[in-house]
Amino acid sequence: KSLHTGIPGQGSRGTNQDDLIMQGTIVSVNYSPSVVTRVYLP
């Protein structure tokens, strides 16, 4: 959940976003990589 998605502690006039990144591993498409998640929509 986020309040300040732009500059910390400041508001802006537009939509912004925050990102959470998973530690990854480079996988060639020859190995058919995929990613799955479950998401709860309130």
Full PDB file with SEQRES, HELIX, SHEET, SSBOND, CRYST1, ORIGX, SCALE, CONECT and MASTER records, all heavy atoms in Angstrom:
SEQRES   1 A   42  LYS SER LEU HIS THR GLY ILE PRO GLY GLN GLY SER ARG          
SEQRES   2 A   42  GLY THR ASN GLN ASP ASP LEU ILE MET GLN GLY THR ILE          
SEQRES   3 A   42  VAL SER VAL ASN TYR SER PRO SER VAL VAL THR ARG VAL          
SEQRES   4 A   42  TYR LEU PRO                                                  
HELIX    1 AA1 VAL A   29  TYR A   31  5                                   3    
CRYST1    1.000    1.000    1.000  90.00  90.00  90.00 P 1           1          
ORIGX1      1.000000  0.000000  0.000000        0.00000                         
ORIGX2      0.000000  1.000000  0.000000        0.00000                         
ORIGX3      0.000000  0.000000  1.000000        0.00000                         
SCALE1      1.000000  0.000000  0.000000        0.00000                         
SCALE2      0.000000  1.000000  0.000000        0.00000                         
SCALE3      0.000000  0.000000  1.000000        0.00000                         
ATOM      1  N   LYS A   1       0.850  -1.189   0.000  1.00  0.00           N  
ATOM      2  CA  LYS A   1       0.000   0.000   0.000  1.00  0.00           C  
ATOM      3  C   LYS A   1       0.880   1.232   0.000  1.00  0.00           C  
ATOM      4  O   LYS A   1       1.948   1.241   0.621  1.00  0.00           O  
ATOM      5  CB  LYS A   1      -0.894  -0.018   1.237  1.00  0.00           C  
ATOM      6  CG  LYS A   1      -2.001   1.001   1.279  1.00  0.00           C  
ATOM      7  CD  LYS A   1      -2.853   0.766   2.519  1.00  0.00           C  
ATOM      8  CE  LYS A   1      -4.003   1.747   2.610  1.00  0.00           C  
ATOM      9  NZ  LYS A   1      -4.841   1.501   3.815  1.00  0.00           N  
ATOM     10  N   SER A   2       0.470   2.294  -0.691  1.00  0.00           N  
ATOM     11  CA  SER A   2       1.293   3.504  -0.773  1.00  0.00           C  
ATOM     12  C   SER A   2       0.455   4.765  -0.652  1.00  0.00           C  
ATOM     13  O   SER A   2      -0.693   4.820  -1.086  1.00  0.00           O  
ATOM     14  CB  SER A   2       2.074   3.553  -2.093  1.00  0.00           C  
ATOM     15  OG  SER A   2       3.250   2.779  -2.029  1.00  0.00           O  
ATOM     16  N   LEU A   3       1.073   5.796  -0.060  1.00  0.00           N  
ATOM     17  CA  LEU A   3       0.511   7.143  -0.010  1.00  0.00           C  
ATOM     18  C   LEU A   3       1.312   8.074  -0.913  1.00  0.00           C  
ATOM     19  O   LEU A   3       0.763   8.727  -1.787  1.00  0.00           O  
ATOM     20  CB  LEU A   3       0.518   7.672   1.423  1.00  0.00           C  
ATOM     21  CG  LEU A   3       0.005   9.099   1.610  1.00  0.00           C  
ATOM     22  CD1 LEU A   3      -1.447   9.213   1.177  1.00  0.00           C  
ATOM     23  CD2 LEU A   3       0.180   9.539   3.068  1.00  0.00           C  
ATOM     24  N   HIS A   4       2.636   8.127  -0.690  1.00  0.00           N  
ATOM     25  CA  HIS A   4       3.517   8.979  -1.490  1.00  0.00           C  
ATOM     26  C   HIS A   4       4.226   8.115  -2.533  1.00  0.00           C  
ATOM     27  O   HIS A   4       5.261   7.522  -2.255  1.00  0.00           O  
ATOM     28  CB  HIS A   4       4.538   9.682  -0.600  1.00  0.00           C  
ATOM     29  CG  HIS A   4       3.920  10.611   0.403  1.00  0.00           C  
ATOM     30  ND1 HIS A   4       3.310  11.792   0.049  1.00  0.00           N  
ATOM     31  CD2 HIS A   4       3.807  10.520   1.752  1.00  0.00           C  
ATOM     32  CE1 HIS A   4       2.864  12.400   1.134  1.00  0.00           C  
ATOM     33  NE2 HIS A   4       3.143  11.644   2.176  1.00  0.00           N  
ATOM     34  N   THR A   5       3.665   8.024  -3.725  1.00  0.00           N  
ATOM     35  CA  THR A   5       4.281   7.235  -4.786  1.00  0.00           C  
ATOM     36  C   THR A   5       5.269   8.051  -5.608  1.00  0.00           C  
ATOM     37  O   THR A   5       5.940   7.510  -6.485  1.00  0.00           O  
ATOM     38  CB  THR A   5       3.208   6.647  -5.722  1.00  0.00           C  
ATOM     39  OG1 THR A   5       2.323   7.702  -6.129  1.00  0.00           O  
ATOM     40  CG2 THR A   5       2.406   5.561  -5.014  1.00  0.00           C  
ATOM     41  N   GLY A   6       5.359   9.335  -5.326  1.00  0.00           N  
ATOM     42  CA  GLY A   6       6.326  10.196  -6.000  1.00  0.00           C  
ATOM     43  C   GLY A   6       7.486  10.500  -5.069  1.00  0.00           C  
ATOM     44  O   GLY A   6       8.109   9.594  -4.505  1.00  0.00           O  
ATOM     45  N   ILE A   7       7.789  11.771  -4.883  1.00  0.00           N  
ATOM     46  CA  ILE A   7       8.860  12.182  -3.982  1.00  0.00           C  
ATOM     47  C   ILE A   7       8.405  11.961  -2.544  1.00  0.00           C  
ATOM     48  O   ILE A   7       7.297  12.359  -2.182  1.00  0.00           O  
ATOM     49  CB  ILE A   7       9.229  13.653  -4.211  1.00  0.00           C  
ATOM     50  CG1 ILE A   7       9.728  13.854  -5.642  1.00  0.00           C  
ATOM     51  CG2 ILE A   7      10.279  14.117  -3.211  1.00  0.00           C  
ATOM     52  CD1 ILE A   7       9.954  15.300  -6.020  1.00  0.00           C  
ATOM     53  N   PRO A   8       9.210  11.298  -1.703  1.00  0.00           N  
ATOM     54  CA  PRO A   8       8.796  11.017  -0.326  1.00  0.00           C  
ATOM     55  C   PRO A   8       8.343  12.277   0.408  1.00  0.00           C  
ATOM     56  O   PRO A   8       9.014  13.305   0.383  1.00  0.00           O  
ATOM     57  CB  PRO A   8      10.076  10.446   0.302  1.00  0.00           C  
ATOM     58  CG  PRO A   8      10.838   9.879  -0.840  1.00  0.00           C  
ATOM     59  CD  PRO A   8      10.564  10.789  -1.997  1.00  0.00           C  
ATOM     60  N   GLY A   9       7.163  12.180   1.048  1.00  0.00           N  
ATOM     61  CA  GLY A   9       6.654  13.275   1.845  1.00  0.00           C  
ATOM     62  C   GLY A   9       6.038  14.411   1.072  1.00  0.00           C  
ATOM     63  O   GLY A   9       5.596  15.401   1.669  1.00  0.00           O  
ATOM     64  N   GLN A  10       5.991  14.300  -0.243  1.00  0.00           N  
ATOM     65  CA  GLN A  10       5.428  15.366  -1.062  1.00  0.00           C  
ATOM     66  C   GLN A  10       4.321  14.810  -1.953  1.00  0.00           C  
ATOM     67  O   GLN A  10       4.367  13.661  -2.372  1.00  0.00           O  
ATOM     68  CB  GLN A  10       6.499  16.010  -1.949  1.00  0.00           C  
ATOM     69  CG  GLN A  10       7.635  16.657  -1.192  1.00  0.00           C  
ATOM     70  CD  GLN A  10       8.620  17.337  -2.124  1.00  0.00           C  
ATOM     71  OE1 GLN A  10       8.269  17.794  -3.214  1.00  0.00           O  
ATOM     72  NE2 GLN A  10       9.873  17.411  -1.695  1.00  0.00           N  
ATOM     73  N   GLY A  11       3.362  15.631  -2.241  1.00  0.00           N  
ATOM     74  CA  GLY A  11       2.332  15.264  -3.188  1.00  0.00           C  
ATOM     75  C   GLY A  11       2.666  15.804  -4.565  1.00  0.00           C  
ATOM     76  O   GLY A  11       3.577  16.611  -4.735  1.00  0.00           O  
ATOM     77  N   SER A  12       1.930  15.341  -5.562  1.00  0.00           N  
ATOM     78  CA  SER A  12       2.118  15.835  -6.916  1.00  0.00           C  
ATOM     79  C   SER A  12       0.751  15.981  -7.563  1.00  0.00           C  
ATOM     80  O   SER A  12      -0.271  15.669  -6.956  1.00  0.00           O  
ATOM     81  CB  SER A  12       3.002  14.894  -7.737  1.00  0.00           C  
ATOM     82  OG  SER A  12       2.326  13.678  -7.998  1.00  0.00           O  
ATOM     83  N   ARG A  13       0.728  16.431  -8.775  1.00  0.00           N  
ATOM     84  CA  ARG A  13      -0.538  16.637  -9.472  1.00  0.00           C  
ATOM     85  C   ARG A  13      -0.912  15.475 -10.374  1.00  0.00           C  
ATOM     86  O   ARG A  13      -1.894  15.545 -11.111  1.00  0.00           O  
ATOM     87  CB  ARG A  13      -0.459  17.920 -10.297  1.00  0.00           C  
ATOM     88  CG  ARG A  13      -0.294  19.174  -9.454  1.00  0.00           C  
ATOM     89  CD  ARG A  13      -0.298  20.420 -10.327  1.00  0.00           C  
ATOM     90  NE  ARG A  13      -0.158  21.632  -9.533  1.00  0.00           N  
ATOM     91  CZ  ARG A  13      -0.135  22.853 -10.040  1.00  0.00           C  
ATOM     92  NH1 ARG A  13      -0.247  23.026 -11.363  1.00  0.00           N  
ATOM     93  NH2 ARG A  13      -0.010  23.915  -9.259  1.00  0.00           N  
ATOM     94  N   GLY A  14      -0.128  14.406 -10.337  1.00  0.00           N  
ATOM     95  CA  GLY A  14      -0.396  13.294 -11.242  1.00  0.00           C  
ATOM     96  C   GLY A  14      -0.249  11.955 -10.563  1.00  0.00           C  
ATOM     97  O   GLY A  14       0.125  11.846  -9.391  1.00  0.00           O  
ATOM     98  N   THR A  15      -0.555  10.918 -11.328  1.00  0.00           N  
ATOM     99  CA  THR A  15      -0.418   9.548 -10.844  1.00  0.00           C  
ATOM    100  C   THR A  15       1.043   9.134 -10.857  1.00  0.00           C  
ATOM    101  O   THR A  15       1.770   9.418 -11.800  1.00  0.00           O  
ATOM    102  CB  THR A  15      -1.232   8.599 -11.737  1.00  0.00           C  
ATOM    103  OG1 THR A  15      -2.618   8.941 -11.642  1.00  0.00           O  
ATOM    104  CG2 THR A  15      -1.045   7.151 -11.314  1.00  0.00           C  
ATOM    105  N   ASN A  16       1.470   8.456  -9.802  1.00  0.00           N  
ATOM    106  CA  ASN A  16       2.814   7.896  -9.727  1.00  0.00           C  
ATOM    107  C   ASN A  16       2.735   6.460  -9.238  1.00  0.00           C  
ATOM    108  O   ASN A  16       1.649   5.947  -8.935  1.00  0.00           O  
ATOM    109  CB  ASN A  16       3.713   8.741  -8.826  1.00  0.00           C  
ATOM    110  CG  ASN A  16       4.241   9.986  -9.527  1.00  0.00           C  
ATOM    111  OD1 ASN A  16       4.806   9.897 -10.609  1.00  0.00           O  
ATOM    112  ND2 ASN A  16       4.035  11.145  -8.916  1.00  0.00           N  
ATOM    113  N   GLN A  17       3.887   5.807  -9.123  1.00  0.00           N  
ATOM    114  CA  GLN A  17       3.905   4.400  -8.722  1.00  0.00           C  
ATOM    115  C   GLN A  17       5.137   4.082  -7.902  1.00  0.00           C  
ATOM    116  O   GLN A  17       6.165   4.768  -7.974  1.00  0.00           O  
ATOM    117  CB  GLN A  17       3.874   3.493  -9.942  1.00  0.00           C  
ATOM    118  CG  GLN A  17       5.191   3.443 -10.711  1.00  0.00           C  
ATOM    119  CD  GLN A  17       5.116   2.591 -11.954  1.00  0.00           C  
ATOM    120  OE1 GLN A  17       4.315   2.858 -12.843  1.00  0.00           O  
ATOM    121  NE2 GLN A  17       5.939   1.561 -12.028  1.00  0.00           N  
ATOM    122  N   ASP A  18       4.995   3.012  -7.112  1.00  0.00           N  
ATOM    123  CA  ASP A  18       6.126   2.400  -6.421  1.00  0.00           C  
ATOM    124  C   ASP A  18       6.312   0.999  -6.979  1.00  0.00           C  
ATOM    125  O   ASP A  18       5.362   0.383  -7.475  1.00  0.00           O  
ATOM    126  CB  ASP A  18       5.867   2.320  -4.913  1.00  0.00           C  
ATOM    127  CG  ASP A  18       5.895   3.680  -4.239  1.00  0.00           C  
ATOM    128  OD1 ASP A  18       6.705   4.528  -4.657  1.00  0.00           O  
ATOM    129  OD2 ASP A  18       5.111   3.889  -3.291  1.00  0.00           O  
ATOM    130  N   ASP A  19       7.539   0.467  -6.880  1.00  0.00           N  
ATOM    131  CA  ASP A  19       7.855  -0.845  -7.435  1.00  0.00           C  
ATOM    132  C   ASP A  19       8.494  -1.732  -6.371  1.00  0.00           C  
ATOM    133  O   ASP A  19       9.336  -1.271  -5.598  1.00  0.00           O  
ATOM    134  CB  ASP A  19       8.848  -0.725  -8.603  1.00  0.00           C  
ATOM    135  CG  ASP A  19       8.342   0.165  -9.715  1.00  0.00           C  
ATOM    136  OD1 ASP A  19       7.118   0.242  -9.906  1.00  0.00           O  
ATOM    137  OD2 ASP A  19       9.167   0.784 -10.403  1.00  0.00           O  
ATOM    138  N   LEU A  20       8.113  -2.991  -6.356  1.00  0.00           N  
ATOM    139  CA  LEU A  20       8.757  -4.004  -5.518  1.00  0.00           C  
ATOM    140  C   LEU A  20       9.310  -5.071  -6.446  1.00  0.00           C  
ATOM    141  O   LEU A  20       8.566  -5.695  -7.211  1.00  0.00           O  
ATOM    142  CB  LEU A  20       7.757  -4.614  -4.539  1.00  0.00           C  
ATOM    143  CG  LEU A  20       8.334  -5.665  -3.590  1.00  0.00           C  
ATOM    144  CD1 LEU A  20       9.357  -5.044  -2.645  1.00  0.00           C  
ATOM    145  CD2 LEU A  20       7.229  -6.359  -2.810  1.00  0.00           C  
ATOM    146  N   ILE A  21      10.628  -5.299  -6.378  1.00  0.00           N  
ATOM    147  CA  ILE A  21      11.314  -6.144  -7.361  1.00  0.00           C  
ATOM    148  C   ILE A  21      11.780  -7.455  -6.724  1.00  0.00           C  
ATOM    149  O   ILE A  21      12.397  -7.458  -5.653  1.00  0.00           O  
ATOM    150  CB  ILE A  21      12.518  -5.401  -7.954  1.00  0.00           C  
ATOM    151  CG1 ILE A  21      12.050  -4.082  -8.589  1.00  0.00           C  
ATOM    152  CG2 ILE A  21      13.235  -6.262  -8.990  1.00  0.00           C  
ATOM    153  CD1 ILE A  21      13.180  -3.212  -9.068  1.00  0.00           C  
ATOM    154  N   MET A  22      11.500  -8.557  -7.395  1.00  0.00           N  
ATOM    155  CA  MET A  22      11.958  -9.870  -6.936  1.00  0.00           C  
ATOM    156  C   MET A  22      13.367 -10.127  -7.434  1.00  0.00           C  
ATOM    157  O   MET A  22      13.697  -9.817  -8.575  1.00  0.00           O  
ATOM    158  CB  MET A  22      11.016 -10.972  -7.450  1.00  0.00           C  
ATOM    159  CG  MET A  22      11.425 -12.383  -7.043  1.00  0.00           C  
ATOM    160  SD  MET A  22      10.319 -13.659  -7.714  1.00  0.00           S  
ATOM    161  CE  MET A  22       8.992 -13.597  -6.529  1.00  0.00           C  
ATOM    162  N   GLN A  23      14.193 -10.702  -6.562  1.00  0.00           N  
ATOM    163  CA  GLN A  23      15.518 -11.116  -7.007  1.00  0.00           C  
ATOM    164  C   GLN A  23      15.347 -12.129  -8.132  1.00  0.00           C  
ATOM    165  O   GLN A  23      14.621 -13.118  -7.986  1.00  0.00           O  
ATOM    166  CB  GLN A  23      16.290 -11.776  -5.846  1.00  0.00           C  
ATOM    167  CG  GLN A  23      16.631 -10.815  -4.721  1.00  0.00           C  
ATOM    168  CD  GLN A  23      17.875  -9.977  -5.041  1.00  0.00           C  
ATOM    169  OE1 GLN A  23      18.387 -10.023  -6.151  1.00  0.00           O  
ATOM    170  NE2 GLN A  23      18.334  -9.217  -4.068  1.00  0.00           N  
ATOM    171  N   GLY A  24      15.969 -11.870  -9.257  1.00  0.00           N  
ATOM    172  CA  GLY A  24      15.767 -12.717 -10.415  1.00  0.00           C  
ATOM    173  C   GLY A  24      17.013 -13.453 -10.849  1.00  0.00           C  
ATOM    174  O   GLY A  24      18.104 -13.254 -10.326  1.00  0.00           O  
ATOM    175  N   THR A  25      16.830 -14.332 -11.811  1.00  0.00           N  
ATOM    176  CA  THR A  25      17.912 -15.081 -12.429  1.00  0.00           C  
ATOM    177  C   THR A  25      17.688 -15.062 -13.938  1.00  0.00           C  
ATOM    178  O   THR A  25      16.577 -15.300 -14.402  1.00  0.00           O  
ATOM    179  CB  THR A  25      17.928 -16.539 -11.938  1.00  0.00           C  
ATOM    180  OG1 THR A  25      18.138 -16.551 -10.521  1.00  0.00           O  
ATOM    181  CG2 THR A  25      19.047 -17.324 -12.612  1.00  0.00           C  
ATOM    182  N   ILE A  26      18.715 -14.765 -14.693  1.00  0.00           N  
ATOM    183  CA  ILE A  26      18.574 -14.743 -16.144  1.00  0.00           C  
ATOM    184  C   ILE A  26      18.304 -16.157 -16.654  1.00  0.00           C  
ATOM    185  O   ILE A  26      19.082 -17.079 -16.389  1.00  0.00           O  
ATOM    186  CB  ILE A  26      19.838 -14.173 -16.803  1.00  0.00           C  
ATOM    187  CG1 ILE A  26      20.080 -12.733 -16.338  1.00  0.00           C  
ATOM    188  CG2 ILE A  26      19.721 -14.214 -18.323  1.00  0.00           C  
ATOM    189  CD1 ILE A  26      21.386 -12.151 -16.813  1.00  0.00           C  
ATOM    190  N   VAL A  27      17.194 -16.320 -17.361  1.00  0.00           N  
ATOM    191  CA  VAL A  27      16.810 -17.624 -17.905  1.00  0.00           C  
ATOM    192  C   VAL A  27      16.492 -17.460 -19.386  1.00  0.00           C  
ATOM    193  O   VAL A  27      15.624 -16.671 -19.759  1.00  0.00           O  
ATOM    194  CB  VAL A  27      15.586 -18.210 -17.179  1.00  0.00           C  
ATOM    195  CG1 VAL A  27      15.249 -19.591 -17.748  1.00  0.00           C  
ATOM    196  CG2 VAL A  27      15.827 -18.294 -15.677  1.00  0.00           C  
ATOM    197  N   SER A  28      17.194 -18.194 -20.237  1.00  0.00           N  
ATOM    198  CA  SER A  28      16.930 -18.164 -21.673  1.00  0.00           C  
ATOM    199  C   SER A  28      15.521 -18.670 -21.960  1.00  0.00           C  
ATOM    200  O   SER A  28      15.013 -19.568 -21.264  1.00  0.00           O  
ATOM    201  CB  SER A  28      17.958 -19.028 -22.405  1.00  0.00           C  
ATOM    202  OG  SER A  28      17.560 -19.267 -23.741  1.00  0.00           O  
ATOM    203  N   VAL A  29      14.893 -18.122 -22.997  1.00  0.00           N  
ATOM    204  CA  VAL A  29      13.564 -18.612 -23.367  1.00  0.00           C  
ATOM    205  C   VAL A  29      13.616 -20.052 -23.860  1.00  0.00           C  
ATOM    206  O   VAL A  29      12.573 -20.709 -23.960  1.00  0.00           O  
ATOM    207  CB  VAL A  29      12.913 -17.709 -24.439  1.00  0.00           C  
ATOM    208  CG1 VAL A  29      12.613 -16.332 -23.886  1.00  0.00           C  
ATOM    209  CG2 VAL A  29      13.768 -17.625 -25.695  1.00  0.00           C  
ATOM    210  N   ASN A  30      14.786 -20.569 -24.152  1.00  0.00           N  
ATOM    211  CA  ASN A  30      14.914 -21.978 -24.511  1.00  0.00           C  
ATOM    212  C   ASN A  30      14.469 -22.887 -23.372  1.00  0.00           C  
ATOM    213  O   ASN A  30      14.166 -24.061 -23.580  1.00  0.00           O  
ATOM    214  CB  ASN A  30      16.351 -22.318 -24.900  1.00  0.00           C  
ATOM    215  CG  ASN A  30      16.763 -21.658 -26.197  1.00  0.00           C  
ATOM    216  OD1 ASN A  30      15.934 -21.456 -27.083  1.00  0.00           O  
ATOM    217  ND2 ASN A  30      18.028 -21.307 -26.330  1.00  0.00           N  
ATOM    218  N   TYR A  31      14.438 -22.350 -22.134  1.00  0.00           N  
ATOM    219  CA  TYR A  31      14.008 -23.109 -20.959  1.00  0.00           C  
ATOM    220  C   TYR A  31      12.582 -22.752 -20.548  1.00  0.00           C  
ATOM    221  O   TYR A  31      12.150 -23.107 -19.455  1.00  0.00           O  
ATOM    222  CB  TYR A  31      14.970 -22.874 -19.798  1.00  0.00           C  
ATOM    223  CG  TYR A  31      16.356 -23.412 -20.063  1.00  0.00           C  
ATOM    224  CD1 TYR A  31      17.335 -22.599 -20.615  1.00  0.00           C  
ATOM    225  CD2 TYR A  31      16.674 -24.738 -19.780  1.00  0.00           C  
ATOM    226  CE1 TYR A  31      18.611 -23.092 -20.879  1.00  0.00           C  
ATOM    227  CE2 TYR A  31      17.937 -25.236 -20.035  1.00  0.00           C  
ATOM    228  CZ  TYR A  31      18.908 -24.413 -20.588  1.00  0.00           C  
ATOM    229  OH  TYR A  31      20.167 -24.905 -20.851  1.00  0.00           O  
ATOM    230  N   SER A  32      11.868 -22.048 -21.407  1.00  0.00           N  
ATOM    231  CA  SER A  32      10.461 -21.698 -21.180  1.00  0.00           C  
ATOM    232  C   SER A  32      10.197 -21.153 -19.776  1.00  0.00           C  
ATOM    233  O   SER A  32       9.404 -21.724 -19.017  1.00  0.00           O  
ATOM    234  CB  SER A  32       9.561 -22.912 -21.457  1.00  0.00           C  
ATOM    235  OG  SER A  32       9.676 -23.323 -22.792  1.00  0.00           O  
ATOM    236  N   PRO A  33      10.869 -20.055 -19.383  1.00  0.00           N  
ATOM    237  CA  PRO A  33      10.640 -19.493 -18.054  1.00  0.00           C  
ATOM    238  C   PRO A  33       9.218 -18.947 -17.917  1.00  0.00           C  
ATOM    239  O   PRO A  33       8.576 -18.568 -18.908  1.00  0.00           O  
ATOM    240  CB  PRO A  33      11.674 -18.368 -17.975  1.00  0.00           C  
ATOM    241  CG  PRO A  33      11.918 -17.973 -19.401  1.00  0.00           C  
ATOM    242  CD  PRO A  33      11.808 -19.248 -20.187  1.00  0.00           C  
ATOM    243  N   SER A  34       8.743 -18.921 -16.685  1.00  0.00           N  
ATOM    244  CA  SER A  34       7.417 -18.374 -16.424  1.00  0.00           C  
ATOM    245  C   SER A  34       7.372 -17.814 -15.010  1.00  0.00           C  
ATOM    246  O   SER A  34       8.260 -18.077 -14.190  1.00  0.00           O  
ATOM    247  CB  SER A  34       6.336 -19.446 -16.592  1.00  0.00           C  
ATOM    248  OG  SER A  34       6.474 -20.479 -15.632  1.00  0.00           O  
ATOM    249  N   VAL A  35       6.342 -17.046 -14.733  1.00  0.00           N  
ATOM    250  CA  VAL A  35       6.167 -16.470 -13.398  1.00  0.00           C  
ATOM    251  C   VAL A  35       4.673 -16.491 -13.074  1.00  0.00           C  
ATOM    252  O   VAL A  35       3.831 -16.287 -13.946  1.00  0.00           O  
ATOM    253  CB  VAL A  35       6.745 -15.033 -13.340  1.00  0.00           C  
ATOM    254  CG1 VAL A  35       6.073 -14.119 -14.349  1.00  0.00           C  
ATOM    255  CG2 VAL A  35       6.655 -14.461 -11.942  1.00  0.00           C  
ATOM    256  N   VAL A  36       4.360 -16.786 -11.814  1.00  0.00           N  
ATOM    257  CA  VAL A  36       2.985 -16.923 -11.347  1.00  0.00           C  
ATOM    258  C   VAL A  36       2.832 -16.186 -10.027  1.00  0.00           C  
ATOM    259  O   VAL A  36       3.769 -16.138  -9.223  1.00  0.00           O  
ATOM    260  CB  VAL A  36       2.607 -18.408 -11.133  1.00  0.00           C  
ATOM    261  CG1 VAL A  36       1.205 -18.538 -10.546  1.00  0.00           C  
ATOM    262  CG2 VAL A  36       2.691 -19.188 -12.421  1.00  0.00           C  
ATOM    263  N   THR A  37       1.659 -15.616  -9.789  1.00  0.00           N  
ATOM    264  CA  THR A  37       1.353 -15.047  -8.478  1.00  0.00           C  
ATOM    265  C   THR A  37      -0.145 -15.149  -8.213  1.00  0.00           C  
ATOM    266  O   THR A  37      -0.949 -15.247  -9.145  1.00  0.00           O  
ATOM    267  CB  THR A  37       1.806 -13.575  -8.372  1.00  0.00           C  
ATOM    268  OG1 THR A  37       1.769 -13.166  -7.013  1.00  0.00           O  
ATOM    269  CG2 THR A  37       0.924 -12.662  -9.217  1.00  0.00           C  
ATOM    270  N   ARG A  38      -0.495 -15.128  -6.934  1.00  0.00           N  
ATOM    271  CA  ARG A  38      -1.886 -14.962  -6.530  1.00  0.00           C  
ATOM    272  C   ARG A  38      -2.054 -13.530  -6.037  1.00  0.00           C  
ATOM    273  O   ARG A  38      -1.176 -13.006  -5.345  1.00  0.00           O  
ATOM    274  CB  ARG A  38      -2.266 -15.936  -5.419  1.00  0.00           C  
ATOM    275  CG  ARG A  38      -2.781 -17.282  -5.915  1.00  0.00           C  
ATOM    276  CD  ARG A  38      -1.697 -18.155  -6.461  1.00  0.00           C  
ATOM    277  NE  ARG A  38      -2.210 -19.446  -6.925  1.00  0.00           N  
ATOM    278  CZ  ARG A  38      -1.436 -20.406  -7.393  1.00  0.00           C  
ATOM    279  NH1 ARG A  38      -0.119 -20.246  -7.458  1.00  0.00           N  
ATOM    280  NH2 ARG A  38      -1.979 -21.546  -7.802  1.00  0.00           N  
ATOM    281  N   VAL A  39      -3.169 -12.911  -6.398  1.00  0.00           N  
ATOM    282  CA  VAL A  39      -3.443 -11.524  -6.022  1.00  0.00           C  
ATOM    283  C   VAL A  39      -4.847 -11.442  -5.447  1.00  0.00           C  
ATOM    284  O   VAL A  39      -5.800 -11.953  -6.049  1.00  0.00           O  
ATOM    285  CB  VAL A  39      -3.333 -10.576  -7.237  1.00  0.00           C  
ATOM    286  CG1 VAL A  39      -3.569  -9.135  -6.806  1.00  0.00           C  
ATOM    287  CG2 VAL A  39      -1.980 -10.705  -7.907  1.00  0.00           C  
ATOM    288  N   TYR A  40      -4.962 -10.778  -4.288  1.00  0.00           N  
ATOM    289  CA  TYR A  40      -6.269 -10.592  -3.668  1.00  0.00           C  
ATOM    290  C   TYR A  40      -6.812  -9.222  -4.043  1.00  0.00           C  
ATOM    291  O   TYR A  40      -6.202  -8.196  -3.767  1.00  0.00           O  
ATOM    292  CB  TYR A  40      -6.180 -10.707  -2.153  1.00  0.00           C  
ATOM    293  CG  TYR A  40      -7.517 -10.547  -1.470  1.00  0.00           C  
ATOM    294  CD1 TYR A  40      -8.453 -11.584  -1.466  1.00  0.00           C  
ATOM    295  CD2 TYR A  40      -7.857  -9.353  -0.831  1.00  0.00           C  
ATOM    296  CE1 TYR A  40      -9.690 -11.444  -0.860  1.00  0.00           C  
ATOM    297  CE2 TYR A  40      -9.093  -9.202  -0.217  1.00  0.00           C  
ATOM    298  CZ  TYR A  40     -10.000 -10.252  -0.234  1.00  0.00           C  
ATOM    299  OH  TYR A  40     -11.223 -10.103   0.367  1.00  0.00           O  
ATOM    300  N   LEU A  41      -7.979  -9.210  -4.710  1.00  0.00           N  
ATOM    301  CA  LEU A  41      -8.646  -7.980  -5.099  1.00  0.00           C  
ATOM    302  C   LEU A  41      -9.739  -7.675  -4.084  1.00  0.00           C  
ATOM    303  O   LEU A  41     -10.691  -8.453  -3.941  1.00  0.00           O  
ATOM    304  CB  LEU A  41      -9.279  -8.111  -6.492  1.00  0.00           C  
ATOM    305  CG  LEU A  41      -8.373  -7.993  -7.720  1.00  0.00           C  
ATOM    306  CD1 LEU A  41      -7.306  -9.080  -7.745  1.00  0.00           C  
ATOM    307  CD2 LEU A  41      -9.211  -8.047  -8.991  1.00  0.00           C  
ATOM    308  N   PRO A  42      -9.607  -6.562  -3.340  1.00  0.00           N  
ATOM    309  CA  PRO A  42     -10.640  -6.238  -2.348  1.00  0.00           C  
ATOM    310  C   PRO A  42     -11.949  -5.850  -3.032  1.00  0.00           C  
ATOM    311  O   PRO A  42     -11.973  -5.586  -4.238  1.00  0.00           O  
ATOM    312  CB  PRO A  42     -10.027  -5.044  -1.597  1.00  0.00           C  
ATOM    313  CG  PRO A  42      -9.092  -4.423  -2.577  1.00  0.00           C  
ATOM    314  CD  PRO A  42      -8.538  -5.551  -3.400  1.00  0.00           C  
TER     315      PRO A  42                                                      
MASTER        0    0    0    1    0    0    0    6  314    1    0    4          
END                                                                             
